PDB file of N, CA and C in Angstrom:
ATOM      1  N   MET A   1     145.184 -79.743 -48.841  1.00  0.00           N
ATOM      2  CA  MET A   1     143.882 -79.131 -48.379  1.00  0.00           C
ATOM      3  C   MET A   1     142.816 -79.859 -48.687  1.00  0.00           C
ATOM      4  N   GLU A   2     142.872 -80.673 -49.672  1.00  0.00           N
ATOM      5  CA  GLU A   2     141.718 -81.787 -50.082  1.00  0.00           C
ATOM      6  C   GLU A   2     141.576 -82.999 -49.067  1.00  0.00           C
ATOM      7  N   GLN A   3     143.012 -83.326 -48.321  1.00  0.00           N
ATOM      8  CA  GLN A   3     142.622 -84.128 -47.333  1.00  0.00           C
ATOM      9  C   GLN A   3     142.152 -83.949 -45.976  1.00  0.00           C
ATOM     10  N   GLN A   4     142.324 -82.325 -45.733  1.00  0.00           N
ATOM     11  CA  GLN A   4     141.336 -81.767 -44.614  1.00  0.00           C
ATOM     12  C   GLN A   4     139.773 -81.766 -44.771  1.00  0.00           C
ATOM     13  N   HIS A   5     139.915 -81.770 -46.001  1.00  0.00           N
ATOM     14  CA  HIS A   5     138.463 -81.502 -46.206  1.00  0.00           C
ATOM     15  C   HIS A   5     137.714 -82.694 -46.316  1.00  0.00           C
ATOM     16  N   ARG A   6     138.504 -83.966 -46.664  1.00  0.00           N
ATOM     17  CA  ARG A   6     137.906 -85.109 -46.928  1.00  0.00           C
ATOM     18  C   ARG A   6     137.268 -85.869 -45.308  1.00  0.00           C
ATOM     19  N   GLU A   7     138.064 -85.264 -44.586  1.00  0.00           N
ATOM     20  CA  GLU A   7     138.338 -85.997 -43.311  1.00  0.00           C
ATOM     21  C   GLU A   7     137.254 -84.889 -42.467  1.00  0.00           C
ATOM     22  N   ALA A   8     137.430 -83.766 -42.699  1.00  0.00           N
ATOM     23  CA  ALA A   8     136.058 -82.861 -42.307  1.00  0.00           C
ATOM     24  C   ALA A   8     134.633 -83.290 -42.608  1.00  0.00           C
ATOM     25  N   THR A   9     134.676 -84.044 -43.582  1.00  0.00           N
ATOM     26  CA  THR A   9     133.028 -84.656 -44.706  1.00  0.00           C
ATOM     27  C   THR A   9     133.077 -85.437 -43.487  1.00  0.00           C
ATOM     28  N   GLU A  10     134.017 -86.532 -43.652  1.00  0.00           N
ATOM     29  CA  GLU A  10     134.054 -88.556 -42.565  1.00  0.00           C
ATOM     30  C   GLU A  10     133.366 -87.983 -41.352  1.00  0.00           C
ATOM     31  N   LEU A  11     134.284 -86.288 -40.814  1.00  0.00           N
ATOM     32  CA  LEU A  11     133.518 -87.014 -39.135  1.00  0.00           C
ATOM     33  C   LEU A  11     132.053 -85.864 -38.951  1.00  0.00           C
ATOM     34  N   ALA A  12     131.963 -85.141 -40.100  1.00  0.00           N
ATOM     35  CA  ALA A  12     130.340 -84.196 -39.653  1.00  0.00           C
ATOM     36  C   ALA A  12     129.200 -85.505 -39.986  1.00  0.00           C
ATOM     37  N   VAL A  13     129.389 -86.598 -41.015  1.00  0.00           N
ATOM     38  CA  VAL A  13     128.640 -87.358 -41.077  1.00  0.00           C
ATOM     39  C   VAL A  13     128.346 -88.383 -39.993  1.00  0.00           C
ATOM     40  N   ASN A  14     129.896 -88.727 -38.949  1.00  0.00           N
ATOM     41  CA  ASN A  14     129.937 -89.557 -37.776  1.00  0.00           C
ATOM     42  C   ASN A  14     129.032 -88.584 -36.784  1.00  0.00           C
ATOM     43  N   VAL A  15     128.716 -87.475 -36.505  1.00  0.00           N
ATOM     44  CA  VAL A  15     128.752 -87.038 -35.813  1.00  0.00           C
ATOM     45  C   VAL A  15     126.952 -87.211 -35.002  1.00  0.00           C
ATOM     46  N   GLU A  16     127.184 -87.492 -33.406  1.00  0.00           N
ATOM     47  CA  GLU A  16     125.807 -88.085 -33.037  1.00  0.00           C
ATOM     48  C   GLU A  16     125.204 -86.467 -33.090  1.00  0.00           C
ATOM     49  N   ALA A  17     123.751 -86.780 -32.750  1.00  0.00           N
ATOM     50  CA  ALA A  17     122.850 -85.984 -32.230  1.00  0.00           C
ATOM     51  C   ALA A  17     122.716 -85.482 -31.360  1.00  0.00           C
ATOM     52  N   PRO A  18     122.854 -84.529 -30.758  1.00  0.00           N
ATOM     53  CA  PRO A  18     122.588 -84.196 -29.036  1.00  0.00           C
ATOM     54  C   PRO A  18     121.985 -84.793 -28.583  1.00  0.00           C
ATOM     55  N   GLN A  19     122.139 -85.358 -27.273  1.00  0.00           N
ATOM     56  CA  GLN A  19     121.195 -86.132 -26.481  1.00  0.00           C
ATOM     57  C   GLN A  19     120.612 -85.459 -25.389  1.00  0.00           C
ATOM     58  N   MET A  20     118.969 -85.434 -25.259  1.00  0.00           N
ATOM     59  CA  MET A  20     118.770 -84.792 -24.192  1.00  0.00           C
ATOM     60  C   MET A  20     119.147 -84.654 -22.810  1.00  0.00           C
ATOM     61  N   PRO A  21     119.352 -83.761 -21.631  1.00  0.00           N
ATOM     62  CA  PRO A  21     119.870 -84.583 -20.419  1.00  0.00           C
ATOM     63  C   PRO A  21     118.669 -85.809 -20.021  1.00  0.00           C
ATOM     64  N   GLN A  22     119.496 -86.446 -19.230  1.00  0.00           N
ATOM     65  CA  GLN A  22     118.738 -87.145 -18.271  1.00  0.00           C
ATOM     66  C   GLN A  22     118.505 -87.210 -16.949  1.00  0.00           C
ATOM     67  N   THR A  23     117.703 -87.827 -16.164  1.00  0.00           N
ATOM     68  CA  THR A  23     117.357 -87.712 -14.731  1.00  0.00           C
ATOM     69  C   THR A  23     118.198 -88.845 -14.192  1.00  0.00           C
ATOM     70  N   PRO A  24     118.868 -88.807 -13.299  1.00  0.00           N
ATOM     71  CA  PRO A  24     119.385 -89.784 -13.002  1.00  0.00           C
ATOM     72  C   PRO A  24     118.616 -91.304 -13.143  1.00  0.00           C
ATOM     73  N   GLU A  25     117.302 -91.389 -13.101  1.00  0.00           N
ATOM     74  CA  GLU A  25     116.570 -92.567 -13.049  1.00  0.00           C
ATOM     75  C   GLU A  25     116.478 -93.010 -14.966  1.00  0.00           C
ATOM     76  N   GLY A  26     117.395 -92.105 -15.556  1.00  0.00           N
ATOM     77  CA  GLY A  26     117.111 -92.311 -17.093  1.00  0.00           C
ATOM     78  C   GLY A  26     115.905 -91.710 -17.991  1.00  0.00           C
ATOM     79  N   ILE A  27     115.361 -90.580 -17.283  1.00  0.00           N
ATOM     80  CA  ILE A  27     113.855 -90.365 -17.674  1.00  0.00           C
ATOM     81  C   ILE A  27     114.175 -88.657 -18.319  1.00  0.00           C
ATOM     82  N   PRO A  28     114.063 -88.664 -19.770  1.00  0.00           N
ATOM     83  CA  PRO A  28     114.188 -87.315 -20.430  1.00  0.00           C
ATOM     84  C   PRO A  28     113.509 -86.105 -19.315  1.00  0.00           C
ATOM     85  N   LEU A  29     114.427 -85.151 -19.430  1.00  0.00           N
ATOM     86  CA  LEU A  29     114.083 -84.139 -18.770  1.00  0.00           C
ATOM     87  C   LEU A  29     113.442 -83.250 -19.711  1.00  0.00           C
ATOM     88  N   ASP A  30     112.199 -82.552 -19.273  1.00  0.00           N
ATOM     89  CA  ASP A  30     111.298 -81.450 -19.933  1.00  0.00           C
ATOM     90  C   ASP A  30     111.994 -80.097 -19.786  1.00  0.00           C
ATOM     91  N   LEU A  31     112.646 -79.793 -20.383  1.00  0.00           N
ATOM     92  CA  LEU A  31     113.370 -78.382 -20.506  1.00  0.00           C
ATOM     93  C   LEU A  31     112.313 -77.590 -21.082  1.00  0.00           C
ATOM     94  N   SER A  32     111.296 -77.442 -21.542  1.00  0.00           N
ATOM     95  CA  SER A  32     110.506 -76.322 -21.727  1.00  0.00           C
ATOM     96  C   SER A  32     109.929 -75.407 -21.095  1.00  0.00           C
ATOM     97  N   ASP A  33     110.013 -76.549 -19.425  1.00  0.00           N
ATOM     98  CA  ASP A  33     109.154 -75.658 -18.207  1.00  0.00           C
ATOM     99  C   ASP A  33     110.002 -75.590 -17.592  1.00  0.00           C
ATOM    100  N   ASP A  34     111.403 -74.487 -17.716  1.00  0.00           N
ATOM    101  CA  ASP A  34     112.232 -75.100 -17.107  1.00  0.00           C
ATOM    102  C   ASP A  34     112.589 -73.548 -16.169  1.00  0.00           C
ATOM    103  N   PRO A  35     112.067 -73.512 -15.088  1.00  0.00           N
ATOM    104  CA  PRO A  35     112.152 -72.273 -14.263  1.00  0.00           C
ATOM    105  C   PRO A  35     113.345 -71.691 -14.473  1.00  0.00           C
ATOM    106  N   MET A  36     113.560 -70.606 -14.323  1.00  0.00           N
ATOM    107  CA  MET A  36     115.017 -69.659 -14.118  1.00  0.00           C
ATOM    108  C   MET A  36     114.993 -69.086 -12.564  1.00  0.00           C
ATOM    109  N   ALA A  37     116.004 -69.090 -12.356  1.00  0.00           N
ATOM    110  CA  ALA A  37     116.078 -68.579 -10.353  1.00  0.00           C
ATOM    111  C   ALA A  37     116.112 -67.002 -10.665  1.00  0.00           C
ATOM    112  N   ILE A  38     116.211 -66.063 -11.220  1.00  0.00           N
ATOM    113  CA  ILE A  38     116.086 -65.012 -11.690  1.00  0.00           C
ATOM    114  C   ILE A  38     114.720 -64.841 -11.609  1.00  0.00           C
ATOM    115  N   LYS A  39     113.925 -65.637 -12.466  1.00  0.00           N
ATOM    116  CA  LYS A  39     112.143 -64.833 -12.429  1.00  0.00           C
ATOM    117  C   LYS A  39     111.188 -65.010 -11.319  1.00  0.00           C
ATOM    118  N   SER A  40     112.433 -66.204  -9.849  1.00  0.00           N
ATOM    119  CA  SER A  40     111.826 -65.824  -8.526  1.00  0.00           C
ATOM    120  C   SER A  40     111.751 -64.572  -7.868  1.00  0.00           C
ATOM    121  N   LEU A  41     112.912 -63.932  -8.157  1.00  0.00           N
ATOM    122  CA  LEU A  41     113.527 -62.356  -7.614  1.00  0.00           C
ATOM    123  C   LEU A  41     112.972 -61.281  -7.862  1.00  0.00           C
ATOM    124  N   GLY A  42     113.168 -60.174  -7.219  1.00  0.00           N
ATOM    125  CA  GLY A  42     112.377 -59.255  -7.442  1.00  0.00           C
ATOM    126  C   GLY A  42     112.394 -58.067  -6.244  1.00  0.00           C
ATOM    127  N   THR A  43     112.164 -56.977  -6.163  1.00  0.00           N
ATOM    128  CA  THR A  43     112.267 -55.620  -5.583  1.00  0.00           C
ATOM    129  C   THR A  43     111.429 -55.949  -4.520  1.00  0.00           C
ATOM    130  N   PHE A  44     112.103 -56.071  -2.853  1.00  0.00           N
ATOM    131  CA  PHE A  44     111.373 -55.874  -1.759  1.00  0.00           C
ATOM    132  C   PHE A  44     111.650 -55.184  -0.481  1.00  0.00           C
ATOM    133  N   PRO A  45     111.297 -54.750   0.002  1.00  0.00           N
ATOM    134  CA  PRO A  45     111.621 -53.813   1.491  1.00  0.00           C
ATOM    135  C   PRO A  45     113.056 -54.593   2.353  1.00  0.00           C
ATOM    136  N   ASN A  46     113.483 -54.157   2.946  1.00  0.00           N
ATOM    137  CA  ASN A  46     114.137 -54.901   3.519  1.00  0.00           C
ATOM    138  C   ASN A  46     113.183 -55.062   5.253  1.00  0.00           C
ATOM    139  N   LEU A  47     113.272 -56.654   5.057  1.00  0.00           N
ATOM    140  CA  LEU A  47     112.297 -57.387   6.138  1.00  0.00           C
ATOM    141  C   LEU A  47     112.833 -57.504   7.407  1.00  0.00           C
ATOM    142  N   ARG A  48     114.623 -57.280   7.668  1.00  0.00           N
ATOM    143  CA  ARG A  48     114.518 -57.394   9.030  1.00  0.00           C
ATOM    144  C   ARG A  48     113.979 -56.687  10.181  1.00  0.00           C
ATOM    145  N   LEU A  49     113.809 -55.848  10.154  1.00  0.00           N
ATOM    146  CA  LEU A  49     112.996 -55.192  11.125  1.00  0.00           C
ATOM    147  C   LEU A  49     111.806 -55.787  11.542  1.00  0.00           C
ATOM    148  N   HIS A  50     110.867 -56.455  10.430  1.00  0.00           N
ATOM    149  CA  HIS A  50     109.814 -57.098  10.777  1.00  0.00           C
ATOM    150  C   HIS A  50     109.860 -58.527  11.220  1.00  0.00           C
ATOM    151  N   VAL A  51     110.895 -58.728  11.048  1.00  0.00           N
ATOM    152  CA  VAL A  51     111.129 -60.327  11.062  1.00  0.00           C
ATOM    153  C   VAL A  51     111.682 -60.753  12.193  1.00  0.00           C
ATOM    154  N   GLU A  52     112.861 -60.025  12.608  1.00  0.00           N
ATOM    155  CA  GLU A  52     113.791 -60.448  13.277  1.00  0.00           C
ATOM    156  C   GLU A  52     113.052 -61.166  14.836  1.00  0.00           C
ATOM    157  N   GLY A  53     113.269 -62.049  15.104  1.00  0.00           N
ATOM    158  CA  GLY A  53     112.963 -62.424  16.276  1.00  0.00           C
ATOM    159  C   GLY A  53     111.555 -63.347  16.488  1.00  0.00           C
ATOM    160  N   ASP A  54     110.483 -63.206  15.228  1.00  0.00           N
ATOM    161  CA  ASP A  54     108.983 -63.776  14.812  1.00  0.00           C
ATOM    162  C   ASP A  54     109.807 -64.870  14.013  1.00  0.00           C
ATOM    163  N   ARG A  55     109.459 -66.247  14.773  1.00  0.00           N
ATOM    164  CA  ARG A  55     109.483 -67.859  13.666  1.00  0.00           C
ATOM    165  C   ARG A  55     108.117 -67.889  12.810  1.00  0.00           C
ATOM    166  N   SER A  56     107.286 -66.893  13.140  1.00  0.00           N
ATOM    167  CA  SER A  56     105.625 -66.941  11.986  1.00  0.00           C
ATOM    168  C   SER A  56     106.553 -66.971  10.117  1.00  0.00           C
ATOM    169  N   VAL A  57     107.456 -66.377  10.638  1.00  0.00           N
ATOM    170  CA  VAL A  57     107.794 -65.801   8.718  1.00  0.00           C
ATOM    171  C   VAL A  57     108.113 -66.886   8.134  1.00  0.00           C
ATOM    172  N   LEU A  58     108.923 -67.814   8.880  1.00  0.00           N
ATOM    173  CA  LEU A  58     109.537 -69.403   8.046  1.00  0.00           C
ATOM    174  C   LEU A  58     108.253 -70.352   7.344  1.00  0.00           C
ATOM    175  N   LYS A  59     107.285 -69.967   8.213  1.00  0.00           N
ATOM    176  CA  LYS A  59     105.843 -70.630   7.871  1.00  0.00           C
ATOM    177  C   LYS A  59     105.412 -69.951   6.760  1.00  0.00           C
ATOM    178  N   HIS A  60     105.476 -68.816   6.620  1.00  0.00           N
ATOM    179  CA  HIS A  60     104.504 -67.939   5.422  1.00  0.00           C
ATOM    180  C   HIS A  60     105.710 -68.443   4.169  1.00  0.00           C
ATOM    181  N   ILE A  61     107.539 -68.592   4.278  1.00  0.00           N
ATOM    182  CA  ILE A  61     108.282 -68.654   3.220  1.00  0.00           C
ATOM    183  C   ILE A  61     108.086 -69.989   2.705  1.00  0.00           C
ATOM    184  N   GLN A  62     107.696 -71.185   3.510  1.00  0.00           N
ATOM    185  CA  GLN A  62     107.610 -72.404   3.291  1.00  0.00           C
ATOM    186  C   GLN A  62     106.684 -72.940   2.662  1.00  0.00           C
ATOM    187  N   ASP A  63     105.073 -71.417   2.936  1.00  0.00           N
ATOM    188  CA  ASP A  63     104.067 -71.847   2.246  1.00  0.00           C
ATOM    189  C   ASP A  63     104.229 -71.422   0.804  1.00  0.00           C
ATOM    190  N   GLY A  64     105.162 -70.377   0.438  1.00  0.00           N
ATOM    191  CA  GLY A  64     105.223 -69.573  -0.717  1.00  0.00           C
ATOM    192  C   GLY A  64     105.905 -70.353  -2.081  1.00  0.00           C
ATOM    193  N   TYR A  65     106.959 -71.743  -1.062  1.00  0.00           N
ATOM    194  CA  TYR A  65     107.481 -72.746  -2.097  1.00  0.00           C
ATOM    195  C   TYR A  65     106.670 -73.166  -2.939  1.00  0.00           C
ATOM    196  N   LEU A  66     105.890 -73.403  -2.946  1.00  0.00           N
ATOM    197  CA  LEU A  66     104.515 -73.895  -3.139  1.00  0.00           C
ATOM    198  C   LEU A  66     104.242 -73.127  -4.587  1.00  0.00           C
ATOM    199  N   MET A  67     104.250 -72.311  -4.371  1.00  0.00           N
ATOM    200  CA  MET A  67     103.211 -71.147  -5.325  1.00  0.00           C
ATOM    201  C   MET A  67     104.599 -70.466  -6.228  1.00  0.00           C
ATOM    202  N   ASP A  68     105.993 -70.688  -6.023  1.00  0.00           N
ATOM    203  CA  ASP A  68     107.134 -70.502  -6.761  1.00  0.00           C
ATOM    204  C   ASP A  68     107.452 -71.553  -8.010  1.00  0.00           C
ATOM    205  N   PRO A  69     107.752 -70.788  -9.387  1.00  0.00           N
ATOM    206  CA  PRO A  69     107.964 -71.669 -10.156  1.00  0.00           C
ATOM    207  C   PRO A  69     109.319 -72.512  -9.950  1.00  0.00           C
ATOM    208  N   LEU A  70     110.434 -71.966  -9.466  1.00  0.00           N
ATOM    209  CA  LEU A  70     111.205 -72.915  -9.033  1.00  0.00           C
ATOM    210  C   LEU A  70     111.222 -73.739  -8.193  1.00  0.00           C
ATOM    211  N   PHE A  71     111.521 -73.032  -6.613  1.00  0.00           N
ATOM    212  CA  PHE A  71     111.237 -73.788  -5.232  1.00  0.00           C
ATOM    213  C   PHE A  71     110.082 -75.074  -5.342  1.00  0.00           C
ATOM    214  N   SER A  72     109.016 -74.713  -6.151  1.00  0.00           N
ATOM    215  CA  SER A  72     108.004 -76.159  -6.459  1.00  0.00           C
ATOM    216  C   SER A  72     108.544 -77.095  -6.807  1.00  0.00           C
ATOM    217  N   LYS A  73     109.190 -77.107  -8.288  1.00  0.00           N
ATOM    218  CA  LYS A  73     109.956 -78.150  -8.585  1.00  0.00           C
ATOM    219  C   LYS A  73     110.685 -78.543  -7.827  1.00  0.00           C
ATOM    220  N   VAL A  74     111.653 -78.026  -7.194  1.00  0.00           N
ATOM    221  CA  VAL A  74     112.885 -78.417  -6.276  1.00  0.00           C
ATOM    222  C   VAL A  74     111.893 -79.415  -5.094  1.00  0.00           C
ATOM    223  N   LEU A  75     111.306 -78.716  -4.679  1.00  0.00           N
ATOM    224  CA  LEU A  75     110.649 -79.459  -3.413  1.00  0.00           C
ATOM    225  C   LEU A  75     109.911 -80.871  -3.973  1.00  0.00           C
ATOM    226  N   ASP A  76     109.726 -80.953  -5.340  1.00  0.00           N
ATOM    227  CA  ASP A  76     108.695 -81.853  -5.875  1.00  0.00           C
ATOM    228  C   ASP A  76     109.759 -83.496  -6.010  1.00  0.00           C
ATOM    229  N   HIS A  77     110.944 -83.144  -6.256  1.00  0.00           N
ATOM    230  CA  HIS A  77     112.042 -83.815  -6.870  1.00  0.00           C
ATOM    231  C   HIS A  77     113.771 -83.220  -6.152  1.00  0.00           C
ATOM    232  N   ILE A  78     112.982 -83.464  -4.833  1.00  0.00           N
ATOM    233  CA  ILE A  78     114.697 -82.551  -4.221  1.00  0.00           C
ATOM    234  C   ILE A  78     116.060 -83.438  -4.722  1.00  0.00           C
ATOM    235  N   GLU A  79     115.609 -84.767  -4.629  1.00  0.00           N
ATOM    236  CA  GLU A  79     116.802 -85.473  -5.071  1.00  0.00           C
ATOM    237  C   GLU A  79     117.140 -85.516  -6.196  1.00  0.00           C
ATOM    238  N   HIS A  80     116.806 -84.857  -6.816  1.00  0.00           N
ATOM    239  CA  HIS A  80     117.292 -84.080  -8.175  1.00  0.00           C
ATOM    240  C   HIS A  80     117.979 -83.413  -7.928  1.00  0.00           C
ATOM    241  N   HIS A  81     118.018 -82.430  -7.187  1.00  0.00           N
ATOM    242  CA  HIS A  81     118.777 -80.946  -7.280  1.00  0.00           C
ATOM    243  C   HIS A  81     119.803 -80.656  -6.079  1.00  0.00           C
ATOM    244  N   LYS A  82     120.945 -81.140  -6.757  1.00  0.00           N
ATOM    245  CA  LYS A  82     121.969 -81.513  -5.464  1.00  0.00           C
ATOM    246  C   LYS A  82     122.761 -80.473  -4.851  1.00  0.00           C
ATOM    247  N   ASN A  83     121.706 -79.047  -5.433  1.00  0.00           N
ATOM    248  CA  ASN A  83     122.477 -77.810  -4.943  1.00  0.00           C
ATOM    249  C   ASN A  83     121.615 -77.239  -3.889  1.00  0.00           C
ATOM    250  N   PHE A  84     120.631 -78.057  -3.745  1.00  0.00           N
ATOM    251  CA  PHE A  84     119.406 -77.529  -2.860  1.00  0.00           C
ATOM    252  C   PHE A  84     119.307 -79.021  -1.219  1.00  0.00           C
ATOM    253  N   LYS A  85     119.071 -78.585  -0.593  1.00  0.00           N
ATOM    254  CA  LYS A  85     118.826 -79.144   0.811  1.00  0.00           C
ATOM    255  C   LYS A  85     117.542 -78.541   1.384  1.00  0.00           C
ATOM    256  N   LEU A  86     116.911 -79.825   1.803  1.00  0.00           N
ATOM    257  CA  LEU A  86     115.532 -79.973   2.899  1.00  0.00           C
ATOM    258  C   LEU A  86     116.175 -80.138   4.494  1.00  0.00           C
ATOM    259  N   ILE A  87     116.098 -78.694   5.380  1.00  0.00           N
ATOM    260  CA  ILE A  87     116.164 -79.141   6.345  1.00  0.00           C
ATOM    261  C   ILE A  87     115.111 -78.567   7.436  1.00  0.00           C
ATOM    262  N   ASP A  88     114.550 -79.087   8.393  1.00  0.00           N
ATOM    263  CA  ASP A  88     113.386 -78.480   8.687  1.00  0.00           C
ATOM    264  C   ASP A  88     112.211 -77.631   8.266  1.00  0.00           C
ATOM    265  N   ASP A  89     111.926 -78.346   6.587  1.00  0.00           N
ATOM    266  CA  ASP A  89     110.913 -77.574   5.892  1.00  0.00           C
ATOM    267  C   ASP A  89     111.482 -76.630   5.070  1.00  0.00           C
ATOM    268  N   ASN A  90     112.654 -76.586   5.351  1.00  0.00           N
ATOM    269  CA  ASN A  90     112.971 -75.170   4.543  1.00  0.00           C
ATOM    270  C   ASN A  90     114.373 -74.931   3.742  1.00  0.00           C
ATOM    271  N   ILE A  91     114.029 -74.380   2.407  1.00  0.00           N
ATOM    272  CA  ILE A  91     114.987 -74.869   1.641  1.00  0.00           C
ATOM    273  C   ILE A  91     116.640 -74.180   1.904  1.00  0.00           C
ATOM    274  N   TYR A  92     117.567 -75.042   1.520  1.00  0.00           N
ATOM    275  CA  TYR A  92     118.772 -74.167   1.872  1.00  0.00           C
ATOM    276  C   TYR A  92     119.647 -74.901   0.375  1.00  0.00           C
ATOM    277  N   THR A  93     120.437 -73.525  -0.109  1.00  0.00           N
ATOM    278  CA  THR A  93     121.053 -73.428  -1.325  1.00  0.00           C
ATOM    279  C   THR A  93     122.881 -73.916  -0.548  1.00  0.00           C
ATOM    280  N   CYS A  94     123.536 -74.951  -1.670  1.00  0.00           N
ATOM    281  CA  CYS A  94     124.965 -75.386  -1.318  1.00  0.00           C
ATOM    282  C   CYS A  94     125.515 -74.760  -2.264  1.00  0.00           C
ATOM    283  N   ASN A  95     126.431 -74.191  -1.265  1.00  0.00           N
ATOM    284  CA  ASN A  95     127.225 -73.389  -2.320  1.00  0.00           C
ATOM    285  C   ASN A  95     129.003 -73.781  -2.206  1.00  0.00           C
TER     286      ASN A  95
END
């Protein structure tokens, strides 16, 4: 038992401090302002009847990206967000 305690103590001394996640360029991420997708959700009426065939709704959605806490960050650095693609100014998720 003493041997295990000594080994555990040695391991604890040599544990590295957790590292901040890094961007591909090696710049530390600021996680204090990290939006969650759930914050962008809400309860809304079924819009299918109002927008089916109306292409102007896409412009309203695109304009809303800049106000949204998640999608505004995705648009700022789309290359950092591998689960999102920008096609014809619309954000798509890759599942």
